[in-house]
Protein backbone atom coordinates (compact mmCIF):
# COMPACT_ATOMS: atom_id res chain seq x y z
CA MET A 1 -14.19 -1.76 -11.06
CA PHE A 2 -11.57 -1.84 -13.81
CA GLY A 3 -13.97 -3.32 -16.34
CA SER A 4 -16.21 -0.29 -15.79
CA LEU A 5 -13.21 2.01 -16.09
CA VAL A 6 -12.04 0.40 -19.34
CA THR A 7 -15.55 0.57 -20.88
CA GLY A 8 -15.96 4.20 -19.84
CA ASP A 9 -18.85 3.56 -17.43
CA VAL A 10 -16.63 5.00 -14.67
CA ASN A 11 -14.43 8.04 -15.31
CA TRP A 12 -11.80 7.48 -12.65
CA ALA A 13 -10.84 5.20 -9.78
CA LEU A 14 -8.48 5.08 -6.84
CA ALA A 15 -6.83 1.67 -6.58
CA THR A 16 -3.77 -0.10 -5.26
CA ALA A 17 -0.81 -0.72 -7.54
CA GLY A 18 -1.44 -4.44 -7.10
CA SER A 19 -5.02 -4.32 -8.31
CA ALA A 20 -4.24 -1.89 -11.14
CA SER A 21 -0.89 -3.27 -12.34
CA THR A 22 -2.28 -5.62 -15.02
CA PHE A 23 -4.40 -2.84 -16.48
CA LEU A 24 -1.55 -0.33 -16.28
CA GLN A 25 0.87 -2.69 -18.00
CA SER A 26 -1.65 -3.51 -20.75
CA GLY A 27 -2.33 0.17 -21.40
CA ASN A 28 -6.07 -0.29 -20.84
CA ILE A 29 -6.17 2.49 -18.26
CA MET A 30 -4.28 5.77 -18.06
CA PRO A 31 -2.74 6.57 -14.69
CA LEU A 32 -3.05 10.15 -13.51
CA ALA A 33 -0.95 9.93 -10.36
CA ILE A 34 0.24 7.62 -7.63
CA ALA A 35 -0.83 8.38 -4.05
CA GLN A 36 2.63 8.18 -2.51
CA LYS A 37 5.10 10.77 -1.32
CA LYS A 38 7.63 9.55 -3.88
CA ARG A 39 7.33 7.74 -7.20
CA SER A 40 6.88 4.00 -7.17
CA PRO A 41 9.87 1.90 -8.26
CA LEU A 42 7.31 -0.31 -10.02
CA PHE A 43 5.83 2.59 -12.01
CA PRO A 44 8.52 5.29 -12.11
CA ASN A 45 6.85 7.20 -14.96
CA ILE A 46 3.66 7.86 -12.98
CA PRO A 47 3.86 11.18 -11.10
CA THR A 48 2.91 11.48 -7.46
CA VAL A 49 -0.35 13.26 -6.61
CA GLU A 50 1.71 16.27 -5.54
CA GLU A 51 3.69 16.28 -8.79
CA ALA A 52 0.40 16.12 -10.71
CA GLY A 53 -0.84 19.27 -8.98
CA GLY A 54 -2.62 17.71 -6.00
CA PRO A 55 -2.07 18.34 -2.31
CA ALA A 56 1.46 18.18 -0.96
CA GLY A 57 2.35 14.96 0.83
CA TYR A 58 -0.86 13.16 -0.21
CA GLU A 59 -0.37 9.46 0.43
CA VAL A 60 -2.55 6.37 0.63
CA LEU A 61 -0.52 3.42 1.86
CA THR A 62 -1.37 -0.22 1.42
CA TRP A 63 0.58 -2.75 3.43
CA LEU A 64 0.39 -6.32 4.59
CA ALA A 65 1.70 -7.60 7.89
CA ILE A 66 1.72 -10.70 10.01
CA LEU A 67 0.51 -10.00 13.55
CA ALA A 68 0.76 -12.12 16.68
CA PRO A 69 -1.51 -12.08 19.73
CA ARG A 70 -0.66 -9.62 22.51
CA GLY A 71 1.65 -11.32 24.99
CA THR A 72 3.49 -13.46 22.43
CA PRO A 73 7.03 -13.94 23.79
CA PRO A 74 9.56 -11.56 22.18
CA ALA A 75 11.78 -14.53 21.26
CA THR A 76 8.92 -16.05 19.26
CA ILE A 77 8.27 -12.77 17.45
CA LYS A 78 11.98 -12.44 16.71
CA ARG A 79 12.10 -16.00 15.32
CA ILE A 80 9.03 -15.42 13.10
CA ASN A 81 10.40 -12.09 11.90
CA GLY A 82 13.73 -13.74 11.08
CA GLY A 83 11.97 -16.41 9.04
CA LEU A 84 10.03 -13.75 7.16
CA ALA A 85 13.24 -11.84 6.49
CA ASP A 86 14.75 -14.99 5.00
CA VAL A 87 11.73 -15.50 2.74
CA LEU A 88 11.59 -11.85 1.67
CA SER A 89 15.31 -11.83 0.83
CA ASP A 90 14.74 -14.49 -1.85
CA SER A 91 14.88 -12.78 -5.26
CA LYS A 92 12.21 -15.10 -6.71
CA ILE A 93 9.81 -14.18 -3.91
CA GLN A 94 10.59 -10.49 -4.37
CA GLU A 95 9.89 -10.71 -8.09
CA HIS A 96 6.64 -12.59 -7.50
CA LEU A 97 5.47 -9.92 -5.04
CA ARG A 98 6.40 -7.15 -7.50
CA GLN A 99 4.23 -8.82 -10.15
CA PHE A 100 1.31 -8.19 -7.80
CA GLY A 101 2.31 -4.56 -7.29
CA PHE A 102 3.99 -4.96 -3.91
CA VAL A 103 7.36 -3.54 -2.92
CA PRO A 104 8.61 -5.98 -0.26
CA GLU A 105 10.04 -4.34 2.85
CA GLN A 106 11.15 -6.06 6.03
CA THR A 107 10.47 -4.22 9.28
CA THR A 108 10.98 -4.92 12.94
CA ALA A 109 8.05 -5.40 15.30
CA GLU A 110 8.75 -1.93 16.69
CA GLN A 111 8.72 -0.35 13.22
CA LEU A 112 5.43 -2.10 12.42
CA ALA A 113 3.90 -0.82 15.66
CA GLY A 114 4.87 2.71 14.57
CA ILE A 115 3.31 2.19 11.12
CA ILE A 116 0.07 0.95 12.71
CA ASP A 117 0.00 3.84 15.21
CA GLU A 118 0.49 6.36 12.39
CA ALA A 119 -2.26 4.74 10.29
CA ILE A 120 -4.65 4.92 13.24
CA LYS A 121 -3.88 8.62 13.78
CA THR A 122 -4.22 9.47 10.08
CA ASN A 123 -7.45 7.57 9.60
CA ALA A 124 -8.96 8.81 12.86
CA ALA A 125 -8.31 12.39 11.74
CA LEU A 126 -9.91 11.68 8.36
CA VAL A 127 -12.98 10.07 9.97
CA LYS A 128 -13.35 13.12 12.25
CA LEU A 129 -12.88 15.54 9.33
CA ILE A 130 -15.63 13.97 7.24
CA GLY A 131 -17.89 13.27 10.20
CA ALA A 132 -18.20 9.53 9.56
CA SER A 133 -19.38 7.18 12.26
CA ALA A 134 -19.78 3.45 12.75
CA SER A 135 -23.14 3.74 14.50
CA GLN A 136 -26.37 3.08 12.64
């Protein structure tokens, strides 16, 4: 995608900070806006979609999570989450993740469940709005 953007075969693209960061840092592409409610700490000079004149509150979130099977004992989830918190608190790990365009955040299992529920609601509303379906 970015090769086509750089050569001018494609006029614009919507991408994650991680996939675009190398091209942004090299100056090979010009960012118009970031699809977040507030500016990214990784790219503080890029305005939000709202700041650039787009719809208020427009946001496209990308996140990664580790999930366990339903019924996993709470103590096991707590132990895994604690181990992840230890790893994510390491400054070298944080810097490595930032190089890929990620802003590391540690959440609880309950917070993650809320994030997933919100994503389902948002995407379900979008699918309904555009009339998309998974049937063939």
